[in-house]
Protein backbone atom coordinates (compact mmCIF):
# COMPACT_ATOMS: atom_id res chain seq x y z
CA MET A 1 69.71 147.95 55.31
CA TRP A 2 70.02 149.30 58.83
CA ASN A 3 67.61 149.18 61.77
CA ASP A 4 67.88 151.58 64.68
CA ILE A 5 66.31 150.80 68.05
CA ASP A 6 62.75 151.26 66.74
CA TYR A 7 62.52 147.59 65.72
CA MET A 8 62.67 146.46 69.37
CA LYS A 9 59.64 145.99 71.60
CA ASN A 10 59.80 148.72 74.24
CA GLN A 11 63.43 149.34 73.20
CA ASN A 12 64.43 146.05 74.83
CA ASP A 13 67.45 144.23 73.41
CA PHE A 14 66.89 140.93 71.60
CA THR A 15 63.18 141.60 70.98
CA ILE A 16 61.12 142.55 67.92
CA ASP A 17 58.08 144.83 68.00
CA GLU A 18 55.63 142.59 66.16
CA GLU A 19 53.04 145.37 65.87
CA LYS A 20 55.31 147.85 64.09
CA PHE A 21 57.72 145.37 62.48
CA GLY A 22 55.64 142.22 62.09
CA ASN A 23 57.01 141.50 58.61
CA LEU A 24 60.62 142.37 59.40
CA SER A 25 61.87 138.80 59.09
CA GLN A 26 60.32 138.49 55.62
CA LEU A 27 61.75 141.86 54.61
CA VAL A 28 65.23 140.65 55.55
CA LYS A 29 64.70 137.55 53.41
CA ASP A 30 63.62 139.75 50.53
CA ILE A 31 66.68 142.00 50.66
CA HIS A 32 68.93 138.94 50.97
CA SER A 33 67.37 137.59 47.78
CA VAL A 34 68.65 140.62 45.84
CA GLY A 35 72.14 140.53 47.30
CA MET A 36 71.73 143.13 50.03
CA HIS A 37 72.63 142.88 53.72
CA TYR A 38 70.90 143.71 56.99
CA VAL A 39 72.43 145.14 60.20
CA PRO A 40 70.32 145.96 63.31
CA ILE A 41 71.40 147.96 66.35
CA LEU A 42 72.12 146.43 69.74
CA ASP A 43 72.73 148.26 73.02
CA PRO A 44 74.50 146.80 76.08
CA GLY A 45 71.79 147.91 78.53
CA VAL A 46 69.25 145.20 79.42
CA SER A 47 65.79 145.96 80.80
CA ALA A 48 65.42 145.22 84.52
CA SER A 49 61.67 145.87 84.75
CA GLU A 50 59.99 143.09 82.78
CA PRO A 51 57.66 140.60 84.52
CA ALA A 52 59.56 137.75 86.15
CA GLY A 53 60.27 134.94 83.71
CA SER A 54 59.19 136.93 80.65
CA TYR A 55 62.51 138.34 79.50
CA PRO A 56 65.38 135.82 79.20
CA PRO A 57 68.16 138.42 78.68
CA TYR A 58 67.55 139.66 82.24
CA ASP A 59 66.72 136.31 83.82
CA ASP A 60 69.76 134.61 82.26
CA GLY A 61 72.04 137.42 83.35
CA VAL A 62 70.86 137.21 86.95
CA ALA A 63 71.23 133.42 86.95
CA MET A 64 74.74 133.62 85.52
CA ASP A 65 75.68 136.56 87.78
CA ILE A 66 77.19 138.65 84.97
CA PHE A 67 75.68 142.09 85.57
CA ILE A 68 77.74 144.97 86.95
CA LYS A 69 77.27 145.50 90.71
CA ASP A 70 77.04 148.66 92.78
CA HIS A 71 79.40 149.45 95.67
CA GLU A 72 77.30 147.28 97.99
CA GLY A 73 77.42 144.23 95.73
CA LYS A 74 73.86 144.59 94.45
CA ILE A 75 73.06 144.70 90.73
CA PHE A 76 73.74 148.23 89.48
CA ILE A 77 70.55 149.93 88.25
CA GLY A 78 70.69 152.63 85.59
CA LYS A 79 68.43 153.94 82.83
CA VAL A 80 68.67 154.06 79.05
CA TRP A 81 66.00 153.54 76.39
CA ASN A 82 64.03 150.88 78.28
CA PRO A 83 60.77 152.27 79.76
CA ASN A 84 61.90 151.86 83.36
CA THR A 85 65.30 150.63 84.52
CA THR A 86 68.39 149.07 83.00
CA VAL A 87 71.23 146.75 84.03
CA PHE A 88 74.58 146.37 82.32
CA PRO A 89 76.48 143.19 81.42
CA ASP A 90 80.03 143.08 82.72
CA PHE A 91 82.08 142.40 79.60
CA THR A 92 85.26 141.95 81.63
CA ASN A 93 83.72 138.82 83.16
CA PRO A 94 84.65 135.72 81.09
CA LYS A 95 81.23 134.20 81.86
CA THR A 96 79.58 137.03 79.96
CA GLN A 97 80.82 135.58 76.67
CA GLU A 98 78.52 132.57 77.05
CA TYR A 99 75.63 134.83 78.07
CA TRP A 100 76.15 137.33 75.23
CA THR A 101 76.55 134.63 72.60
CA LYS A 102 73.34 132.95 73.77
CA GLN A 103 71.32 136.17 73.49
CA ILE A 104 72.72 137.03 70.05
CA ARG A 105 72.08 133.49 68.86
CA GLY A 106 68.47 133.80 69.99
CA LEU A 107 68.04 137.04 68.05
CA LYS A 108 69.66 135.50 64.98
CA LYS A 109 67.04 132.75 64.99
CA LYS A 110 64.30 135.39 64.88
CA LEU A 111 66.04 137.83 62.56
CA ASP A 112 68.62 136.71 60.01
CA PHE A 113 71.00 139.66 60.34
CA ASP A 114 74.44 139.88 58.71
CA GLY A 115 76.22 141.93 61.37
CA LEU A 116 75.61 144.07 64.44
CA TRP A 117 75.79 147.78 65.12
CA ILE A 118 76.58 148.25 68.83
CA ASP A 119 75.67 151.60 70.38
CA MET A 120 75.52 153.31 73.80
CA ASN A 121 78.60 151.37 74.91
CA GLU A 122 80.68 154.04 76.65
CA PRO A 123 78.56 152.90 78.63
CA ALA A 124 75.89 155.60 78.26
CA ASN A 125 73.33 156.12 81.02
CA PHE A 126 70.50 158.67 81.24
CA TRP A 127 71.23 159.13 84.94
CA ASP A 128 74.38 160.45 86.56
CA GLY A 129 75.26 157.17 88.21
CA GLY A 130 72.80 154.73 89.75
CA LYS A 131 69.13 154.87 90.67
CA ASN A 132 70.03 156.15 94.14
CA GLY A 133 73.03 158.18 93.06
CA CYS A 134 76.61 157.25 93.92
CA PRO A 135 78.36 157.03 97.31
CA LYS A 136 80.81 159.62 98.51
CA SER A 137 84.23 158.41 97.49
CA GLU A 138 87.53 159.63 96.09
CA LEU A 139 86.72 157.51 93.06
CA GLU A 140 83.54 159.50 92.46
CA ASP A 141 85.13 162.86 93.23
CA PRO A 142 88.90 162.55 92.81
CA PRO A 143 91.20 165.49 93.58
CA TYR A 144 91.79 165.99 89.88
CA VAL A 145 88.94 165.72 87.39
CA PRO A 146 89.78 165.84 83.68
CA SER A 147 87.75 167.99 81.31
CA VAL A 148 84.61 165.88 81.14
CA ASP A 149 80.98 166.73 80.51
CA GLY A 150 79.40 168.21 83.63
CA GLY A 151 82.66 168.19 85.55
CA ILE A 152 81.97 164.81 87.17
CA LEU A 153 83.15 161.38 86.04
CA ARG A 154 79.73 159.75 86.52
CA LYS A 155 77.96 162.23 84.23
CA LYS A 156 75.60 160.18 82.04
CA THR A 157 77.41 156.94 82.86
CA LEU A 158 77.88 154.50 85.76
CA CYS A 159 79.17 155.19 89.24
CA MET A 160 82.94 154.97 89.39
CA THR A 161 82.52 152.75 92.46
CA ALA A 162 80.50 150.17 90.53
CA ARG A 163 82.11 146.74 90.70
CA GLN A 164 83.19 144.65 87.74
CA TYR A 165 85.09 141.39 87.41
CA ALA A 166 88.29 143.24 86.42
CA GLY A 167 87.99 145.94 89.10
CA VAL A 168 86.03 149.05 89.98
CA HIS A 169 84.42 150.92 87.11
CA TYR A 170 86.82 153.82 87.70
CA ASP A 171 89.63 151.58 86.44
CA VAL A 172 87.86 149.86 83.54
CA HIS A 173 85.37 152.45 82.27
CA ASN A 174 87.38 153.22 79.14
CA ILE A 175 87.47 149.59 78.02
CA TYR A 176 83.75 148.90 78.39
CA GLY A 177 83.09 149.51 74.69
CA ILE A 178 85.98 147.47 73.36
CA SER A 179 85.17 144.65 75.82
CA GLU A 180 81.65 144.49 74.41
CA HIS A 181 83.04 144.76 70.88
CA ASP A 182 85.39 141.84 71.51
CA MET A 183 82.61 139.59 72.84
CA THR A 184 80.24 140.62 70.06
CA TYR A 185 82.88 139.77 67.46
CA ARG A 186 83.52 136.38 69.04
CA ALA A 187 79.80 135.64 69.29
CA LEU A 188 79.16 136.46 65.63
CA LYS A 189 82.19 134.49 64.51
CA ASP A 190 80.81 131.47 66.34
CA ILE A 191 77.20 131.94 65.22
CA ILE A 192 77.59 133.04 61.60
CA GLY A 193 80.82 131.24 60.77
CA LYS A 194 81.72 133.85 58.19
CA ARG A 195 83.56 137.14 58.17
CA VAL A 196 82.21 139.33 60.95
CA PHE A 197 80.73 142.80 60.52
CA THR A 198 80.52 144.98 63.63
CA LEU A 199 80.27 148.73 64.11
CA SER A 200 80.84 150.37 67.50
CA ARG A 201 80.26 153.87 68.85
CA SER A 202 82.73 153.55 71.71
CA SER A 203 86.36 152.90 70.84
CA PHE A 204 89.74 152.22 72.41
CA PRO A 205 93.18 151.27 71.06
CA GLY A 206 92.63 147.95 69.30
CA THR A 207 89.02 148.58 68.27
CA GLY A 208 90.00 148.18 64.62
CA THR A 209 90.80 144.53 65.33
CA TYR A 210 87.11 143.78 65.82
CA GLY A 211 85.35 146.09 63.40
CA GLY A 212 84.45 149.65 62.52
CA HIS A 213 83.72 152.86 64.39
CA TRP A 214 81.44 155.74 63.51
CA SER A 215 81.42 159.24 64.90
CA GLY A 216 78.21 159.05 66.91
CA ASP A 217 75.55 161.73 66.89
CA VAL A 218 76.83 164.58 64.73
CA PHE A 219 74.56 167.47 63.83
CA SER A 220 73.23 168.60 60.48
CA ARG A 221 75.57 171.59 60.23
CA TRP A 222 78.32 172.63 57.85
CA HIS A 223 80.68 172.73 60.82
CA ASP A 224 80.04 169.04 61.50
CA LEU A 225 80.46 168.11 57.84
CA ALA A 226 83.88 169.80 57.79
CA LYS A 227 84.93 168.28 61.12
CA SER A 228 84.10 164.79 59.88
CA VAL A 229 87.32 164.82 57.85
CA PRO A 230 89.84 165.33 60.69
CA GLU A 231 87.77 162.99 62.85
CA MET A 232 87.97 160.30 60.19
CA LEU A 233 91.70 160.89 59.72
CA SER A 234 92.25 160.66 63.48
CA SER A 235 90.35 157.38 63.71
CA SER A 236 92.45 156.07 60.85
CA LEU A 237 95.64 157.02 62.69
CA TYR A 238 94.35 155.09 65.72
CA GLY A 239 94.09 151.91 63.64
CA MET A 240 90.37 152.06 62.84
CA ALA A 241 90.28 151.66 59.07
CA TYR A 242 86.49 151.37 58.73
CA THR A 243 85.20 154.73 59.91
CA GLY A 244 82.87 157.57 58.97
CA ALA A 245 80.14 159.95 60.13
CA ASP A 246 76.35 159.93 59.74
CA ILE A 247 75.87 161.41 56.28
CA CYS A 248 73.75 164.60 56.33
CA GLY A 249 74.02 164.63 60.14
CA PHE A 250 72.12 162.78 62.86
CA GLY A 251 70.60 165.61 64.91
CA GLY A 252 68.69 168.59 63.54
CA ASN A 253 67.20 169.12 60.11
CA ALA A 254 69.50 169.00 57.10
CA THR A 255 69.12 171.49 54.27
CA LYS A 256 69.16 170.52 50.62
CA SER A 257 72.55 172.12 49.96
CA LEU A 258 74.12 170.57 53.07
CA CYS A 259 72.83 167.07 52.35
CA ASN A 260 73.87 167.36 48.71
CA ARG A 261 77.49 168.06 49.63
CA TRP A 262 77.44 165.57 52.51
CA MET A 263 76.24 162.78 50.24
CA GLN A 264 79.22 163.56 48.02
CA ILE A 265 81.88 163.43 50.73
CA GLY A 266 80.09 160.56 52.48
CA ALA A 267 80.48 158.43 49.37
CA PHE A 268 84.18 158.39 50.25
CA TYR A 269 83.93 157.63 53.93
CA PRO A 270 85.08 154.01 54.30
CA PHE A 271 81.90 153.55 56.36
CA SER A 272 79.27 155.27 54.23
CA ARG A 273 75.73 155.59 55.63
CA ASN A 274 73.02 158.25 55.71
CA HIS A 275 71.41 158.15 59.18
CA ASN A 276 69.40 160.58 61.30
CA SER A 277 67.22 160.88 64.38
CA ILE A 278 63.58 159.83 64.36
CA ASP A 279 62.44 163.35 65.27
CA THR A 280 64.03 165.07 62.25
CA ILE A 281 62.94 165.48 58.65
CA HIS A 282 63.68 162.82 56.04
CA GLN A 283 67.12 163.29 54.52
CA ASP A 284 67.50 160.52 51.96
CA PRO A 285 68.47 162.02 48.57
CA ALA A 286 64.98 161.51 47.14
CA SER A 287 63.55 163.73 49.88
CA PHE A 288 65.46 166.70 48.46
CA GLY A 289 64.57 166.17 44.82
CA GLU A 290 66.11 165.22 41.51
CA ASP A 291 69.23 167.38 41.84
CA VAL A 292 70.40 165.66 45.01
CA ILE A 293 69.51 162.24 43.58
CA LYS A 294 71.71 162.82 40.51
CA SER A 295 74.53 164.29 42.58
CA SER A 296 74.45 161.33 44.97
CA ILE A 297 74.41 158.82 42.13
CA LYS A 298 77.45 160.50 40.56
CA ALA A 299 79.49 160.29 43.77
CA LEU A 300 78.34 156.78 44.69
CA THR A 301 79.04 155.55 41.15
CA ALA A 302 82.65 156.64 41.62
CA ARG A 303 82.77 154.81 44.96
CA TYR A 304 81.36 151.59 43.53
CA THR A 305 83.68 151.78 40.53
CA LEU A 306 86.62 152.01 42.92
CA LEU A 307 85.54 149.23 45.30
CA PRO A 308 88.37 146.87 44.20
CA TYR A 309 90.90 149.60 45.01
CA LEU A 310 89.20 150.30 48.36
CA TYR A 311 89.08 146.57 49.17
CA THR A 312 92.79 146.26 48.39
CA LEU A 313 93.50 149.15 50.77
CA PHE A 314 91.67 147.23 53.50
CA PHE A 315 93.90 144.25 52.77
CA HIS A 316 96.95 146.44 53.31
CA ALA A 317 95.41 147.72 56.54
CA ARG A 318 94.73 144.18 57.76
CA ARG A 319 98.05 142.71 56.68
CA PHE A 320 100.50 145.57 57.21
CA GLY A 321 98.74 148.10 59.44
CA ASP A 322 98.47 150.69 56.66
CA THR A 323 95.82 153.40 56.62
CA VAL A 324 92.90 153.33 54.21
CA VAL A 325 92.02 157.00 54.56
CA ARG A 326 95.10 159.11 55.14
CA PRO A 327 96.18 162.76 55.28
CA LEU A 328 98.36 164.24 52.55
CA PHE A 329 101.37 164.44 54.86
CA PHE A 330 101.50 160.64 55.05
CA GLU A 331 102.51 160.61 51.38
CA PHE A 332 104.41 163.90 51.39
CA PRO A 333 106.03 164.08 54.85
CA HIS A 334 108.77 166.49 53.77
CA ASP A 335 106.31 168.99 52.28
CA MET A 336 105.51 171.19 55.27
CA LYS A 337 102.43 172.65 53.58
CA THR A 338 100.68 169.28 53.79
CA HIS A 339 101.01 169.04 57.57
CA THR A 340 98.01 171.23 58.42
CA ILE A 341 95.60 170.09 55.70
CA ASP A 342 92.51 168.54 57.32
CA ARG A 343 89.66 169.30 54.92
CA SER A 344 90.69 166.87 52.18
CA PHE A 345 92.06 163.34 52.26
CA LEU A 346 93.57 160.49 50.32
CA TRP A 347 92.32 156.99 49.72
CA GLY A 348 95.56 155.07 49.95
CA PRO A 349 98.56 156.65 48.23
CA GLY A 350 96.90 157.77 45.03
CA PHE A 351 93.25 158.93 45.14
CA TYR A 352 92.63 162.46 46.42
CA VAL A 353 89.18 163.58 47.63
CA VAL A 354 88.61 167.34 47.90
CA PRO A 355 85.11 167.95 49.33
CA VAL A 356 83.17 171.19 49.42
CA THR A 357 82.67 172.04 53.11
CA GLU A 358 81.03 175.47 52.81
CA ASP A 359 77.56 176.46 51.70
CA VAL A 360 76.86 178.07 48.31
CA SER A 361 80.33 177.33 46.98
CA THR A 362 80.90 176.02 43.45
CA PHE A 363 84.67 175.81 43.70
CA VAL A 364 87.26 174.76 46.24
CA TRP A 365 90.89 175.66 46.79
CA THR A 366 93.32 172.89 47.60
CA TYR A 367 97.03 172.42 47.85
CA LEU A 368 98.59 170.02 45.36
CA PRO A 369 101.99 168.61 46.28
CA LYS A 370 104.63 168.30 43.61
CA GLY A 371 103.77 165.86 40.85
CA LYS A 372 101.30 165.06 38.11
CA TRP A 373 97.61 165.00 39.07
CA TYR A 374 94.66 163.82 36.98
CA ASP A 375 91.01 164.79 37.14
CA TRP A 376 88.99 161.62 37.83
CA TYR A 377 86.12 162.63 35.58
CA SER A 378 87.90 163.95 32.48
CA GLY A 379 91.36 162.39 32.69
CA ASN A 380 92.93 165.81 32.12
CA HIS A 381 96.07 166.44 34.11
CA THR A 382 97.99 169.25 35.74
CA ILE A 383 101.62 169.29 36.81
CA SER A 384 102.15 170.92 40.18
CA ASP A 385 105.38 172.17 41.67
CA GLY A 386 103.63 172.41 45.05
CA LYS A 387 100.93 175.05 44.84
CA ASP A 388 97.35 175.97 45.67
CA ILE A 389 94.91 175.44 42.84
CA LYS A 390 91.26 176.27 42.35
CA LEU A 391 89.04 173.32 41.43
CA ASP A 392 85.61 173.71 39.89
CA ALA A 393 82.93 172.08 42.03
CA PRO A 394 79.49 172.51 40.47
CA LEU A 395 76.66 171.41 42.72
CA ASP A 396 76.60 167.90 41.26
CA THR A 397 80.35 167.29 41.57
CA ILE A 398 82.90 166.57 44.28
CA PRO A 399 86.45 167.18 43.00
CA LEU A 400 88.39 163.92 42.74
CA LEU A 401 92.02 163.66 41.65
CA VAL A 402 94.34 160.76 40.91
CA ARG A 403 98.03 161.04 41.67
CA GLY A 404 100.35 160.32 38.78
CA GLY A 405 102.13 157.02 39.29
CA THR A 406 98.96 155.23 40.45
CA VAL A 407 97.21 152.20 38.97
CA LEU A 408 93.58 151.86 40.07
CA PRO A 409 91.84 148.48 39.76
CA THR A 410 88.16 149.19 39.05
CA GLN A 411 84.96 147.34 38.21
CA GLU A 412 81.79 148.25 36.41
CA PRO A 413 79.48 149.44 39.22
CA ALA A 414 76.14 147.82 40.03
CA GLN A 415 73.24 148.35 42.43
CA THR A 416 74.81 146.12 45.09
CA THR A 417 78.32 145.06 46.02
CA THR A 418 77.17 141.47 45.54
CA GLN A 419 76.46 142.15 41.87
CA SER A 420 79.39 144.48 41.21
CA ARG A 421 81.84 141.76 42.34
CA LYS A 422 80.76 139.75 39.30
CA ASN A 423 81.40 142.52 36.79
CA ALA A 424 84.41 142.96 34.53
CA PHE A 425 87.51 144.86 35.61
CA THR A 426 89.28 147.85 34.13
CA PHE A 427 92.84 148.64 35.18
CA MET A 428 93.39 152.41 35.02
CA ALA A 429 97.04 153.52 34.94
CA TYR A 430 97.93 157.18 35.51
CA ALA A 431 101.45 157.91 34.31
CA SER A 432 103.78 159.97 36.47
CA GLU A 433 106.00 162.68 34.99
CA ASP A 434 108.55 160.00 34.13
CA GLY A 435 105.92 157.72 32.57
CA LEU A 436 105.69 155.17 35.38
CA ALA A 437 102.86 153.83 37.55
CA SER A 438 102.25 150.92 39.91
CA GLY A 439 99.54 149.35 42.03
CA ASP A 440 98.08 146.05 43.16
CA LEU A 441 94.85 144.12 43.66
CA PHE A 442 93.77 141.81 46.47
CA TRP A 443 90.84 139.49 45.76
CA ASP A 444 89.11 136.77 47.74
CA ASP A 445 85.54 135.51 48.11
CA GLY A 446 84.67 138.50 50.31
CA ASP A 447 83.00 136.42 52.99
CA SER A 448 85.11 133.60 54.39
CA LEU A 449 87.15 133.77 57.58
CA ASP A 450 90.94 134.00 57.60
CA THR A 451 91.49 133.93 53.84
CA ILE A 452 94.86 135.65 54.27
CA GLU A 453 96.04 133.21 56.93
CA LYS A 454 94.77 130.27 54.86
CA ASN A 455 96.31 131.66 51.68
CA GLN A 456 92.92 131.60 49.95
CA TYR A 457 93.16 134.75 47.87
CA GLY A 458 94.46 136.25 44.68
CA PHE A 459 97.03 139.02 44.42
CA LEU A 460 98.10 140.98 41.34
CA GLN A 461 100.78 143.62 40.89
CA PHE A 462 100.65 146.30 38.21
CA HIS A 463 103.51 148.19 36.58
CA LEU A 464 103.43 150.79 33.85
CA LEU A 465 106.84 151.12 32.24
CA ASN A 466 108.02 153.08 29.22
CA ASP A 467 106.98 150.48 26.67
CA ARG A 468 104.50 148.22 28.41
CA PHE A 469 101.87 147.67 31.09
CA ASN A 470 102.15 144.49 33.17
CA SER A 471 99.49 142.81 35.29
CA THR A 472 101.40 140.05 37.06
CA VAL A 473 99.71 137.26 39.01
CA ILE A 474 101.64 136.81 42.25
CA GLN A 475 99.21 134.14 43.37
CA TRP A 476 95.63 133.06 42.69
CA ASN A 477 94.03 130.67 45.11
CA THR A 478 90.36 131.61 45.14
CA PRO A 479 87.51 130.07 43.11
CA ASP A 480 86.04 133.46 42.22
CA THR A 481 87.80 134.64 39.04
CA PRO A 482 86.34 137.74 37.34
CA LYS A 483 87.63 138.90 33.98
CA LEU A 484 89.66 141.87 32.86
CA ASP A 485 87.90 143.82 30.12
CA SER A 486 90.07 146.91 29.64
CA VAL A 487 93.38 148.58 30.30
CA VAL A 488 93.32 152.39 30.16
CA ILE A 489 96.51 154.44 30.35
CA TYR A 490 96.27 158.17 31.08
CA GLY A 491 99.08 160.56 30.27
CA PHE A 492 100.22 158.42 27.35
CA GLN A 493 102.85 160.48 25.54
CA LYS A 494 103.84 158.22 22.64
CA ASN A 495 102.73 157.92 19.04
CA VAL A 496 102.10 154.24 18.42
CA SER A 497 101.09 152.24 15.38
CA LYS A 498 100.57 148.88 17.03
CA VAL A 499 99.49 147.51 20.40
CA PHE A 500 100.07 143.94 21.56
CA VAL A 501 98.38 141.93 24.29
CA ASN A 502 100.55 139.01 25.38
CA ASP A 503 102.51 139.42 22.13
CA LYS A 504 99.41 139.31 19.93
CA GLU A 505 98.42 142.42 17.99
CA PHE A 506 95.25 143.94 19.40
CA PRO A 507 92.91 146.83 18.47
CA PHE A 508 93.31 150.03 20.46
CA ASP A 509 92.06 153.57 20.78
CA LEU A 510 94.38 156.53 21.37
CA LYS A 511 92.89 159.99 21.89
CA LYS A 512 94.05 162.99 23.90
CA ASN A 513 96.92 161.09 25.52
CA VAL A 514 94.61 158.29 26.68
CA LEU A 515 95.32 154.76 25.42
CA LYS A 516 92.44 152.29 25.69
CA VAL A 517 92.68 148.56 25.05
CA GLN A 518 89.26 146.95 25.43
CA LYS A 519 87.39 143.64 25.16
CA LEU A 520 90.32 141.68 26.55
CA ASN A 521 88.12 139.01 28.20
CA ASN A 522 91.15 137.89 30.21
CA PRO A 523 90.62 135.97 33.50
CA LEU A 524 92.31 137.73 36.40
CA ASN A 525 94.31 134.61 37.20
CA LYS A 526 96.22 135.03 33.93
CA SER A 527 99.00 137.61 33.70
CA VAL A 528 98.67 140.28 31.01
CA VAL A 529 101.30 142.30 29.18
CA VAL A 530 100.12 145.23 27.06
CA SER A 531 102.95 146.59 24.91
CA TRP A 532 103.23 148.98 21.98
CA LYS A 533 105.50 150.28 19.27
């Protein structure tokens, strides 16, 4: 569950509006009891207009001397959501870490959150500079001004002459967001003692080290839905694996058809969240009726089924710097036709998402590089020599394809990720044209710090060969050991009379080139060989 700024008293950081959200703490306990998580928003701007001694975030900051100063050395005064005036912590000042951790710890005692969503950290400001404007200076009005909003560098942010520990704001403006992100990450790591969840609006090279990034305030328009794909791909290229846009748009009123298609594509954003402005209509699926509910469930069921595959992609991103979401040309660099495709995307090397990005359309054209491709829903396949194909996309369906040669580790989906982690696995192998496939699975407890560095995880490798499927345990050093229920092989071209699991004959089902071996009840920490003759 997410909380925007409405939960705060007078939009002041580290406070709770007890009149509107008096039972918020109990609500958080309730959602924790059913395996859900809670993430509130936090802005960098601190109110400067509260009665003396009544607001520790301001009083502590003044006492520790960690707020940004103006060109005269006085505390810089700006304006954001607070009723009157705002000051800004200087996250380049090492002392700010102690201050920021103290404030977050205080909020944690009042509200048992699981992570933080940090916003307005460009830093945003409702004024163009300070309360009294900005001084005349070459920093404020340099000879060359890049293409920025309003044609001035201080537009809706701080004066460039403002002073920070690391230098004038002109020099460090672009790292304000990542500096806050860094200190927020460190604070949560110290306070929670578990894996940290953070989400930041502002970004900079290295942001992916500390957490995720979302697109900010997109609008409820088809144009914005379509543009969310190249934006997500770009963020991925910049090393931000956990990224996405506000599903159905943040500003403006979404239509039923737009939100229906956006819920579908949004199910495959790594960061998947429906979020909109307080002054717009409701846009949760239920607000648009049964059709959008069913469509959303269908897409989200696919996402939750594929969570083990998605989690493994994040392991590769963390360990090797790979991308989670990637453009087609990453996998097919020599196919020139893939180089300009920015309306569809891959999860890892093998799962292809082809969203509908235009209104009133029940089909979509896409380019399929050379190879064997399977429909996620039916298992039917097509062999492409590199061509455009037309995919049916009824209103309740987003086209999803699996690349031949891929093995997808999946789990039975549940209402929460907490519950789905406990469910049985199915390994789904999709044979290439030459009958081969491969993949892997990373598994840990999902919560502890540094499991990779401490070697506290499990890792499996999968190989489909001509006469067998292998699930090989490379290592297993985690107490959480789910079970494998099924192995399903698509594109199975052989006539078989017997199937063996670890050399013991086992029942099987073979229909329409799909081989299913079920009820294995095999712990994941035990290797499995499925063979046939």
